[in-house]
Amino acid sequence: MRTRVKICGCTSPADVALAVDAGADAVGVILAERSERAVSVERFREIAASVPALVTLVAVFVDPTSSLVDEALKAGAIPQFHGNEPADACEAFAEGPYLKAYHVGPAHAQHAAAFAAFARPFGHATWLFDAAAANGVSGGTGRTFAWEIARELAGERRFVVSGGLTPDNVGDCIRAVRPYAVDVRSGVETNGTKDPHKVRAFVRAVRETDAETVERA
């Protein structure tokens, strides 16, 4: 299976161009006020206009208003809900495919049945498993979690792994749990900006690991 790559936290058309040139399948733009990579609605429109055909634009929210989600949907973005949004709100906002973040901590091990009951109302969601943060931060912690938990929780359902991924460890993640996609933000940045060498190295590591898997099959 080909692992999809999402480069998140793009704050300019230049970031999008870098991600696309490196071979990313999707770019994420953050519309959550508390994030250090958040952009204004006006900036989002500018970035959205720069995303080429066949590359997925993802708009990342934390407990958004319906008007903000509508703005992203008008631009053709796939919503990613990264806060405490209930299932009925996500389903009503999106009315179609969307990403829903689930923050994984050590206590989630061996709780697949409880997660399945929690996840059932999110009918259109693709789960994005991220590392939980003790300080209540919704994402961008730069920390990993036990990837095997994501496989256990997701079962046969497609899922995305996020949290602490870098060019050095993303291959290990893919080998361990074969996610549908991997999502990276800070792991391809230097001093808070997208680093061309790290972005390209990240995508290259994903593709090389996929090729290894095919050869062994």
C-alpha atoms as a PDB file:
ATOM      1  CA  MET A   1       0.000   0.000   0.000  1.00  0.00           C
ATOM      2  CA  ARG A   2       1.225   3.483  -0.833  1.00  0.00           C
ATOM      3  CA  THR A   3       1.464   5.596   2.310  1.00  0.00           C
ATOM      4  CA  ARG A   4       0.019   9.083   1.871  1.00  0.00           C
ATOM      5  CA  VAL A   5       1.994  12.069   3.152  1.00  0.00           C
ATOM      6  CA  LYS A   6       0.497  15.232   4.631  1.00  0.00           C
ATOM      7  CA  ILE A   7       2.735  18.230   5.304  1.00  0.00           C
ATOM      8  CA  CYS A   8       0.897  20.296   7.899  1.00  0.00           C
ATOM      9  CA  GLY A   9       1.295  23.834   9.173  1.00  0.00           C
ATOM     10  CA  CYS A  10       1.794  25.406   5.748  1.00  0.00           C
ATOM     11  CA  THR A  11       1.631  29.174   6.181  1.00  0.00           C
ATOM     12  CA  SER A  12       2.315  30.404   2.641  1.00  0.00           C
ATOM     13  CA  PRO A  13       2.048  29.424  -1.015  1.00  0.00           C
ATOM     14  CA  ALA A  14       5.804  28.832  -0.875  1.00  0.00           C
ATOM     15  CA  ASP A  15       5.292  26.150   1.784  1.00  0.00           C
ATOM     16  CA  VAL A  16       2.689  24.515  -0.443  1.00  0.00           C
ATOM     17  CA  ALA A  17       5.014  24.614  -3.446  1.00  0.00           C
ATOM     18  CA  LEU A  18       7.795  23.010  -1.403  1.00  0.00           C
ATOM     19  CA  ALA A  19       5.540  20.225  -0.142  1.00  0.00           C
ATOM     20  CA  VAL A  20       4.118  19.521  -3.600  1.00  0.00           C
ATOM     21  CA  ASP A  21       7.555  19.560  -5.232  1.00  0.00           C
ATOM     22  CA  ALA A  22       8.769  17.055  -2.625  1.00  0.00           C
ATOM     23  CA  GLY A  23       5.902  14.719  -3.496  1.00  0.00           C
ATOM     24  CA  ALA A  24       3.396  15.284  -0.691  1.00  0.00           C
ATOM     25  CA  ASP A  25      -0.165  14.097  -1.244  1.00  0.00           C
ATOM     26  CA  ALA A  26      -1.768  16.683   1.025  1.00  0.00           C
ATOM     27  CA  VAL A  27      -1.004  20.018   2.653  1.00  0.00           C
ATOM     28  CA  GLY A  28      -2.476  21.201   5.936  1.00  0.00           C
ATOM     29  CA  VAL A  29      -3.325  24.798   6.788  1.00  0.00           C
ATOM     30  CA  ILE A  30      -4.182  25.583  10.402  1.00  0.00           C
ATOM     31  CA  LEU A  31      -7.194  27.753  11.207  1.00  0.00           C
ATOM     32  CA  ALA A  32      -7.020  27.383  14.988  1.00  0.00           C
ATOM     33  CA  GLU A  33      -6.306  30.593  16.869  1.00  0.00           C
ATOM     34  CA  ARG A  34      -4.166  29.001  19.575  1.00  0.00           C
ATOM     35  CA  SER A  35      -1.711  27.408  17.163  1.00  0.00           C
ATOM     36  CA  GLU A  36       1.617  29.068  16.433  1.00  0.00           C
ATOM     37  CA  ARG A  37       1.125  28.131  12.758  1.00  0.00           C
ATOM     38  CA  ALA A  38      -2.403  29.543  12.489  1.00  0.00           C
ATOM     39  CA  VAL A  39      -3.245  31.753   9.521  1.00  0.00           C
ATOM     40  CA  SER A  40      -6.008  34.292   8.953  1.00  0.00           C
ATOM     41  CA  VAL A  41      -8.966  33.553   6.708  1.00  0.00           C
ATOM     42  CA  GLU A  42      -7.541  35.937   4.114  1.00  0.00           C
ATOM     43  CA  ARG A  43      -4.206  34.143   4.183  1.00  0.00           C
ATOM     44  CA  PHE A  44      -5.978  30.801   3.981  1.00  0.00           C
ATOM     45  CA  ARG A  45      -7.716  31.888   0.775  1.00  0.00           C
ATOM     46  CA  GLU A  46      -4.370  32.882  -0.734  1.00  0.00           C
ATOM     47  CA  ILE A  47      -2.798  29.558   0.216  1.00  0.00           C
ATOM     48  CA  ALA A  48      -5.816  27.578  -0.985  1.00  0.00           C
ATOM     49  CA  ALA A  49      -5.612  29.205  -4.397  1.00  0.00           C
ATOM     50  CA  SER A  50      -2.029  27.962  -4.747  1.00  0.00           C
ATOM     51  CA  VAL A  51      -2.809  24.276  -4.171  1.00  0.00           C
ATOM     52  CA  PRO A  52      -2.634  22.449  -7.513  1.00  0.00           C
ATOM     53  CA  ALA A  53      -5.141  19.929  -8.783  1.00  0.00           C
ATOM     54  CA  LEU A  54      -4.812  16.382  -7.396  1.00  0.00           C
ATOM     55  CA  VAL A  55      -3.208  17.618  -4.155  1.00  0.00           C
ATOM     56  CA  THR A  56      -5.518  17.561  -1.135  1.00  0.00           C
ATOM     57  CA  LEU A  57      -5.976  20.733   0.895  1.00  0.00           C
ATOM     58  CA  VAL A  58      -6.727  20.077   4.570  1.00  0.00           C
ATOM     59  CA  ALA A  59      -8.043  22.810   6.875  1.00  0.00           C
ATOM     60  CA  VAL A  60      -7.207  22.142  10.524  1.00  0.00           C
ATOM     61  CA  PHE A  61      -9.622  23.338  13.207  1.00  0.00           C
ATOM     62  CA  VAL A  62      -9.926  23.277  16.980  1.00  0.00           C
ATOM     63  CA  ASP A  63     -13.557  23.629  18.111  1.00  0.00           C
ATOM     64  CA  PRO A  64     -14.450  25.912  15.157  1.00  0.00           C
ATOM     65  CA  THR A  65     -17.509  27.966  14.337  1.00  0.00           C
ATOM     66  CA  SER A  66     -19.668  26.794  11.448  1.00  0.00           C
ATOM     67  CA  SER A  67     -18.805  29.932   9.456  1.00  0.00           C
ATOM     68  CA  LEU A  68     -15.089  29.126   9.626  1.00  0.00           C
ATOM     69  CA  VAL A  69     -15.681  25.569   8.432  1.00  0.00           C
ATOM     70  CA  ASP A  70     -17.889  26.883   5.632  1.00  0.00           C
ATOM     71  CA  GLU A  71     -15.062  29.149   4.503  1.00  0.00           C
ATOM     72  CA  ALA A  72     -12.731  26.167   4.204  1.00  0.00           C
ATOM     73  CA  LEU A  73     -15.292  24.011   2.445  1.00  0.00           C
ATOM     74  CA  LYS A  74     -15.838  26.737  -0.153  1.00  0.00           C
ATOM     75  CA  ALA A  75     -12.133  26.484  -0.946  1.00  0.00           C
ATOM     76  CA  GLY A  76     -12.444  22.747  -1.475  1.00  0.00           C
ATOM     77  CA  ALA A  77     -10.638  21.785   1.731  1.00  0.00           C
ATOM     78  CA  ILE A  78     -11.089  18.582   3.691  1.00  0.00           C
ATOM     79  CA  PRO A  79     -11.774  19.474   7.352  1.00  0.00           C
ATOM     80  CA  GLN A  80      -9.562  18.155  10.130  1.00  0.00           C
ATOM     81  CA  PHE A  81     -11.124  18.505  13.564  1.00  0.00           C
ATOM     82  CA  HIS A  82      -8.373  18.534  16.167  1.00  0.00           C
ATOM     83  CA  GLY A  83     -10.223  19.613  19.303  1.00  0.00           C
ATOM     84  CA  ASN A  84     -13.137  18.371  21.393  1.00  0.00           C
ATOM     85  CA  GLU A  85     -15.716  18.499  18.617  1.00  0.00           C
ATOM     86  CA  PRO A  86     -18.592  16.045  19.216  1.00  0.00           C
ATOM     87  CA  ALA A  87     -19.594  13.600  16.510  1.00  0.00           C
ATOM     88  CA  ASP A  88     -22.834  15.348  15.596  1.00  0.00           C
ATOM     89  CA  ALA A  89     -21.010  18.643  15.040  1.00  0.00           C
ATOM     90  CA  CYS A  90     -18.322  17.033  12.858  1.00  0.00           C
ATOM     91  CA  GLU A  91     -20.889  15.171  10.803  1.00  0.00           C
ATOM     92  CA  ALA A  92     -23.026  18.291  10.364  1.00  0.00           C
ATOM     93  CA  PHE A  93     -20.073  20.544   9.546  1.00  0.00           C
ATOM     94  CA  ALA A  94     -18.469  18.241   7.026  1.00  0.00           C
ATOM     95  CA  GLU A  95     -21.360  16.287   5.482  1.00  0.00           C
ATOM     96  CA  GLY A  96     -18.675  14.145   3.888  1.00  0.00           C
ATOM     97  CA  PRO A  97     -15.154  12.811   4.511  1.00  0.00           C
ATOM     98  CA  TYR A  98     -13.099  14.503   7.204  1.00  0.00           C
ATOM     99  CA  LEU A  99     -10.215  13.847   9.574  1.00  0.00           C
ATOM    100  CA  LYS A 100     -10.816  13.629  13.319  1.00  0.00           C
ATOM    101  CA  ALA A 101      -7.894  13.718  15.715  1.00  0.00           C
ATOM    102  CA  TYR A 102      -7.768  11.351  18.665  1.00  0.00           C
ATOM    103  CA  HIS A 103      -5.080  12.051  21.236  1.00  0.00           C
ATOM    104  CA  VAL A 104      -3.362   8.886  22.403  1.00  0.00           C
ATOM    105  CA  GLY A 105      -1.768   8.536  25.827  1.00  0.00           C
ATOM    106  CA  PRO A 106      -0.327   5.521  27.666  1.00  0.00           C
ATOM    107  CA  ALA A 107      -3.707   4.739  29.235  1.00  0.00           C
ATOM    108  CA  HIS A 108      -5.247   4.010  25.822  1.00  0.00           C
ATOM    109  CA  ALA A 109      -3.433   0.707  25.440  1.00  0.00           C
ATOM    110  CA  GLN A 110      -5.751  -2.317  25.329  1.00  0.00           C
ATOM    111  CA  HIS A 111      -8.914  -0.193  25.032  1.00  0.00           C
ATOM    112  CA  ALA A 112      -9.922  -0.902  21.443  1.00  0.00           C
ATOM    113  CA  ALA A 113     -13.486  -1.888  22.390  1.00  0.00           C
ATOM    114  CA  ALA A 114     -14.108   1.368  24.267  1.00  0.00           C
ATOM    115  CA  PHE A 115     -12.657   3.378  21.390  1.00  0.00           C
ATOM    116  CA  ALA A 116     -14.857   1.543  18.888  1.00  0.00           C
ATOM    117  CA  ALA A 117     -17.955   2.599  20.819  1.00  0.00           C
ATOM    118  CA  PHE A 118     -16.702   6.185  21.030  1.00  0.00           C
ATOM    119  CA  ALA A 119     -15.805   6.291  17.328  1.00  0.00           C
ATOM    120  CA  ARG A 120     -18.999   4.790  15.929  1.00  0.00           C
ATOM    121  CA  PRO A 121     -20.969   8.093  15.621  1.00  0.00           C
ATOM    122  CA  PHE A 122     -18.133   9.642  13.592  1.00  0.00           C
ATOM    123  CA  GLY A 123     -19.418   7.932  10.473  1.00  0.00           C
ATOM    124  CA  HIS A 124     -17.437   9.905   7.881  1.00  0.00           C
ATOM    125  CA  ALA A 125     -14.212  10.248   9.864  1.00  0.00           C
ATOM    126  CA  THR A 126     -10.757   9.040   9.033  1.00  0.00           C
ATOM    127  CA  TRP A 127      -8.986   8.883  12.386  1.00  0.00           C
ATOM    128  CA  LEU A 128      -5.781  10.813  12.910  1.00  0.00           C
ATOM    129  CA  PHE A 129      -3.958   9.522  15.963  1.00  0.00           C
ATOM    130  CA  ASP A 130      -1.779  12.135  17.650  1.00  0.00           C
ATOM    131  CA  ALA A 131       0.193  12.173  20.877  1.00  0.00           C
ATOM    132  CA  ALA A 132      -1.690  13.423  23.923  1.00  0.00           C
ATOM    133  CA  ALA A 133      -0.257  16.421  25.753  1.00  0.00           C
ATOM    134  CA  ALA A 134      -0.458  16.886  29.506  1.00  0.00           C
ATOM    135  CA  ASN A 135      -0.876  20.649  29.178  1.00  0.00           C
ATOM    136  CA  GLY A 136      -3.995  20.365  27.034  1.00  0.00           C
ATOM    137  CA  VAL A 137      -2.342  21.395  23.764  1.00  0.00           C
ATOM    138  CA  SER A 138      -4.379  20.080  20.840  1.00  0.00           C
ATOM    139  CA  GLY A 139      -1.412  19.147  18.656  1.00  0.00           C
ATOM    140  CA  GLY A 140       2.065  20.025  17.481  1.00  0.00           C
ATOM    141  CA  THR A 141       3.706  18.561  20.565  1.00  0.00           C
ATOM    142  CA  GLY A 142       6.620  17.055  18.657  1.00  0.00           C
ATOM    143  CA  ARG A 143       6.180  13.867  20.685  1.00  0.00           C
ATOM    144  CA  THR A 144       5.474  10.332  19.518  1.00  0.00           C
ATOM    145  CA  PHE A 145       3.239   7.709  21.080  1.00  0.00           C
ATOM    146  CA  ALA A 146       3.223   3.917  20.930  1.00  0.00           C
ATOM    147  CA  TRP A 147       2.200   3.480  17.301  1.00  0.00           C
ATOM    148  CA  GLU A 148       0.908  -0.024  17.918  1.00  0.00           C
ATOM    149  CA  ILE A 149      -1.954   1.529  19.886  1.00  0.00           C
ATOM    150  CA  ALA A 150      -3.175   3.245  16.719  1.00  0.00           C
ATOM    151  CA  ARG A 151      -3.331  -0.087  14.891  1.00  0.00           C
ATOM    152  CA  GLU A 152      -5.171  -1.679  17.805  1.00  0.00           C
ATOM    153  CA  LEU A 153      -7.712   1.133  18.066  1.00  0.00           C
ATOM    154  CA  ALA A 154      -8.329   1.487  14.331  1.00  0.00           C
ATOM    155  CA  GLY A 155      -8.728  -2.211  13.601  1.00  0.00           C
ATOM    156  CA  GLU A 156      -9.502  -2.575   9.885  1.00  0.00           C
ATOM    157  CA  ARG A 157     -10.304   1.111   9.457  1.00  0.00           C
ATOM    158  CA  ARG A 158      -7.894   3.436   7.641  1.00  0.00           C
ATOM    159  CA  PHE A 159      -5.975   5.772   9.926  1.00  0.00           C
ATOM    160  CA  VAL A 160      -3.343   8.497   9.970  1.00  0.00           C
ATOM    161  CA  VAL A 161      -0.392   8.734  12.375  1.00  0.00           C
ATOM    162  CA  SER A 162       0.812  12.121  13.583  1.00  0.00           C
ATOM    163  CA  GLY A 163       2.942  13.365  16.450  1.00  0.00           C
ATOM    164  CA  GLY A 164       6.713  13.539  16.614  1.00  0.00           C
ATOM    165  CA  LEU A 165       7.389  12.083  13.181  1.00  0.00           C
ATOM    166  CA  THR A 166      10.658  13.022  11.475  1.00  0.00           C
ATOM    167  CA  PRO A 167      12.645  11.865   8.446  1.00  0.00           C
ATOM    168  CA  ASP A 168      14.553   9.590  10.834  1.00  0.00           C
ATOM    169  CA  ASN A 169      11.631   7.736  12.413  1.00  0.00           C
ATOM    170  CA  VAL A 170       8.786   7.794   9.875  1.00  0.00           C
ATOM    171  CA  GLY A 171      10.080   4.606   8.244  1.00  0.00           C
ATOM    172  CA  ASP A 172       9.917   2.813  11.582  1.00  0.00           C
ATOM    173  CA  CYS A 173       6.328   3.980  12.020  1.00  0.00           C
ATOM    174  CA  ILE A 174       5.295   2.683   8.611  1.00  0.00           C
ATOM    175  CA  ARG A 175       6.990  -0.668   9.133  1.00  0.00           C
ATOM    176  CA  ALA A 176       5.349  -1.026  12.552  1.00  0.00           C
ATOM    177  CA  VAL A 177       1.703  -0.301  11.739  1.00  0.00           C
ATOM    178  CA  ARG A 178       1.255   0.414   8.001  1.00  0.00           C
ATOM    179  CA  PRO A 179      -0.889   3.561   8.385  1.00  0.00           C
ATOM    180  CA  TYR A 180      -2.966   4.908   5.529  1.00  0.00           C
ATOM    181  CA  ALA A 181      -1.105   8.216   5.888  1.00  0.00           C
ATOM    182  CA  VAL A 182       1.473  10.030   7.974  1.00  0.00           C
ATOM    183  CA  ASP A 183       1.201  13.648   9.054  1.00  0.00           C
ATOM    184  CA  VAL A 184       4.106  15.927   9.945  1.00  0.00           C
ATOM    185  CA  ARG A 185       4.550  19.532  10.961  1.00  0.00           C
ATOM    186  CA  SER A 186       7.407  20.403  13.323  1.00  0.00           C
ATOM    187  CA  GLY A 187       9.433  17.378  12.231  1.00  0.00           C
ATOM    188  CA  VAL A 188      10.194  19.061   8.903  1.00  0.00           C
ATOM    189  CA  GLU A 189      10.891  22.525  10.300  1.00  0.00           C
ATOM    190  CA  THR A 190      13.989  24.389  11.411  1.00  0.00           C
ATOM    191  CA  ASN A 191      13.525  27.390  13.685  1.00  0.00           C
ATOM    192  CA  GLY A 192       9.789  27.371  13.054  1.00  0.00           C
ATOM    193  CA  THR A 193       9.840  27.346   9.252  1.00  0.00           C
ATOM    194  CA  LYS A 194       9.600  24.552   6.698  1.00  0.00           C
ATOM    195  CA  ASP A 195      13.056  23.200   5.910  1.00  0.00           C
ATOM    196  CA  PRO A 196      13.379  22.086   2.257  1.00  0.00           C
ATOM    197  CA  HIS A 197      15.940  19.402   3.096  1.00  0.00           C
ATOM    198  CA  LYS A 198      13.781  17.939   5.873  1.00  0.00           C
ATOM    199  CA  VAL A 199      10.577  18.037   3.812  1.00  0.00           C
ATOM    200  CA  ARG A 200      12.217  16.197   0.936  1.00  0.00           C
ATOM    201  CA  ALA A 201      13.941  13.766   3.278  1.00  0.00           C
ATOM    202  CA  PHE A 202      10.640  12.978   4.994  1.00  0.00           C
ATOM    203  CA  VAL A 203       8.804  12.199   1.756  1.00  0.00           C
ATOM    204  CA  ARG A 204      11.788  10.225   0.467  1.00  0.00           C
ATOM    205  CA  ALA A 205      11.878   8.134   3.656  1.00  0.00           C
ATOM    206  CA  VAL A 206       8.190   7.288   3.224  1.00  0.00           C
ATOM    207  CA  ARG A 207       8.618   6.266  -0.406  1.00  0.00           C
ATOM    208  CA  GLU A 208      11.722   4.192   0.314  1.00  0.00           C
ATOM    209  CA  THR A 209       9.935   2.354   3.114  1.00  0.00           C
ATOM    210  CA  ASP A 210       6.953   1.660   0.857  1.00  0.00           C
ATOM    211  CA  ALA A 211       9.329   0.265  -1.759  1.00  0.00           C
ATOM    212  CA  GLU A 212      10.950  -1.997   0.850  1.00  0.00           C
ATOM    213  CA  THR A 213       7.557  -3.366   1.793  1.00  0.00           C
ATOM    214  CA  VAL A 214       6.670  -4.125  -1.821  1.00  0.00           C
ATOM    215  CA  GLU A 215       9.957  -5.939  -2.371  1.00  0.00           C
ATOM    216  CA  ARG A 216       9.398  -8.133   0.676  1.00  0.00           C
ATOM    217  CA  ALA A 217       5.815  -9.002  -0.271  1.00  0.00           C
END
